[in-house]
Each structure stands twice: as C-alpha cells, then as structure tokens.
Amino acid sequence: MTFTASEIAARLGAECTGDGTVVVTGLASLRDAGPGDLSFVANPRYAADAAATRAGAVVVARDWNRPCVAPALLRAADPNQAFATAAALFAPPPIRYPVGVHPTAVVAPDVSLGTDVSIGPLCVVEAGARIGDRSILVAQCYLGRQATVGSDTLFYPQVTVRERVQIGDRCVIHNGVVIGSDGFGFTADDQGARHKIPQIGTVIVGNDVEIGANTTIDRARFGKTIIGHGVKIDNLVQIAHNVIIGDHTVIVAQVGIAGSARIGHHVILAGQVGVGGHVEVGDGAMIGAQAGIHKKVPPKAALVGSPAVPGEVFARMVVNWTKLDNMRQRLVALEQRLQRLEGRPTPPAS
C-alpha cells in the first residue's frame, strides 16, 4: 500500500504541514526510517531523533515546536493513537482461517458450535463445550468439558482452557496460555506433609480481553477467578486463584498476583510487579516496575519500589542511596576526630 502524506493526514484527522505529496510506503522508528517511511514522536525526550530522522513524514502533536527535518509533519491531537491508526493502513490483510472442523481435530458429539467457527488441526474440544459465532481455534488448542467461548474470539496455537471456564466475546488468547489450571492450594498435616486442597471453582474472562503468550490464570478454590472486560495482559503473567481484575486494567509482563487479591478497574501494573495475597489495589492506581504490593493501595495512587511507596518518596530514597558512601566516609572522619579530641586511640579507617 502507498499513500501520500496528505492522504494519511486526512484519514487520521490530522493537519499536514510541509510537503503533502511525499509518498509513504511503510512505517519505521525515527532512527530507522527512510524517505518512504512514516514515523512519529510523542515524547520530547526523542526530540534529538526527530531532528535527525530521515523519515519522509512524521506524526507529531499539534503544538510540536521542536526541530524535525522530515519533509511532512502530520499534526495530530494524540500522536500515539494517530500512529496506531496509520499502522492499520499498512498492516497485512488478516489471515482467513477455513470455516469448519479440521479432519485431525477431535470434537465431542455434543459440542455446540456457532456459525462460521474454525477449529484447526489437532484441536481437542471436550463434551458439553460451546463455541460462539466466528470464533477460531487455530491449532493444537484444548477446550475442556463444559467450557464456553463467546463470539469472534481467537485462540492462537496451544491454548489450553480447562473445564467449565468461560471466555467472552472478541478476546485474543495468545500461544501457550493456560486458563483454569488448579490454584496453588495445599494444607499441611501434623507431620508437615502437604495435601492438595481441591480447586473446584472456575475462571470467567470478560469481553474484549487480550492475554499474552504463556500467561497462566488459575481457577478459583471455590467461586470464580474473574478477568474483567477490556483487560489487557502481557506475556508471562501469573494470576492466582480467586483473583478479581477490574475492567480495562493493564498488566505488563512477569507480573505475579497472589490468591484472592483484588485489582480495581483502569489499574496499570508495570513489569514484574508482585501483588500479595488478599491485597486490594484501588481503581486507577499505577504501580511501577518491580514494585512489591503488600498492603491495600488507595485509588489513583502511584507507587514504586518494594515495599511500594509513593513515587516522590521513592525518588528521595534513591537520591539518599547515592549519598550513602559519602555519608559513611564523613561519619568515619567525624568519629576519628572525636577520638583524637578525647585522647583515645584512633582505629584505622575502613
């Protein structure tokens, strides 16, 4: 696909300044772009890259006033969103999976299939399962007994959805995801031997959820593990039994959420955040990377560190950490001076 800068601007609702006849054939980062590429800049920290880019056109904010050598600037209210829209113009057409059941798939006789469902090679769909209209199991997927999948949902290869789990409409489940495995529940006897606690609950995944590769979501001990509508989960996330995730929350890679934690709506958990069991994170909270959450987080809080503290507190702590060695040396010098004044032997500095 090829477009002129002016054509792209019209599709984005942006204002094109400069040479609107520039022909754009692809997308690239500011550093990698060539004369036929469209790029974007939304953060002033990348102003130097914008000033040196070879891109033919760059999407910028409406009030962008820093140097940019691209022949055409596309001024948009939200450069991130505008560039995402532009990316769709150049995206390859979606893969069309064949409607029907592949000959190598194993589908129980009483499974309910909606219209235009695609079940690919080597999939297994157990008794009593239901799959909604236009949903796709690409290949080697497993759907357990009495599990349900809504309409227009896509399972990439090797997704496992265990018995009685419910998946909503328009979900995207990436490779290797396991939903509904047993929660990690054991009890110890008098000799300290561990015995399994039956995990008899289920998992409910809402509509418009995306779950990244190799993420695992455990079934409830009893009741439900719940993933709300519009939740976006990255790769390699672990969500334990009886966790509740509110609508439109974002969970980034390698987050671990312990059992019975409650995460509000529109929360952001950055990479490698750990949330303790039975902890509540309020609506709209933002938790920085590698933070450890051990107690209740109020709504709209911004926390970082382990144990997590407000961002401004953590910034002061970091500044103080950088001064510790100098402070130690000063303290040693003061101790030696005091000892000399008191006439006591002075130990060597360490």
Foldseek 3Di string as FASTA:
>chain_A
DKDFQLVLLVVLVWDKPFDRRQIAQEADDLQPAALNYEYEDEDCVCLVSQQPGRYQEYEYAQPDDGHGPHRMYTHDPHRVVSVVVVNVVNDDDDDDAAFDEDPQEAEDPQEAEEAREEEAHCEYEDALEYEEANEYEHYCEYHEHNEYAYYCEYEYHCEYEYHPEYHEYNEYEYAQEYAAAAFPDWDADPVRDTDHQAQPAHEYEYAQEYAEHNEYAHEASHYYAYHEAQEYEYPQEYHGHLEYAEANEYEYHQEYEDANEYEYYCEYHYANEYEDHVEYEEACEYEDHNEYDDHHHYHNAYWYHYPTDGPVVVVVVVVVVVCVVVVVVVVLVVVQVVCVVVVHDRDDDD
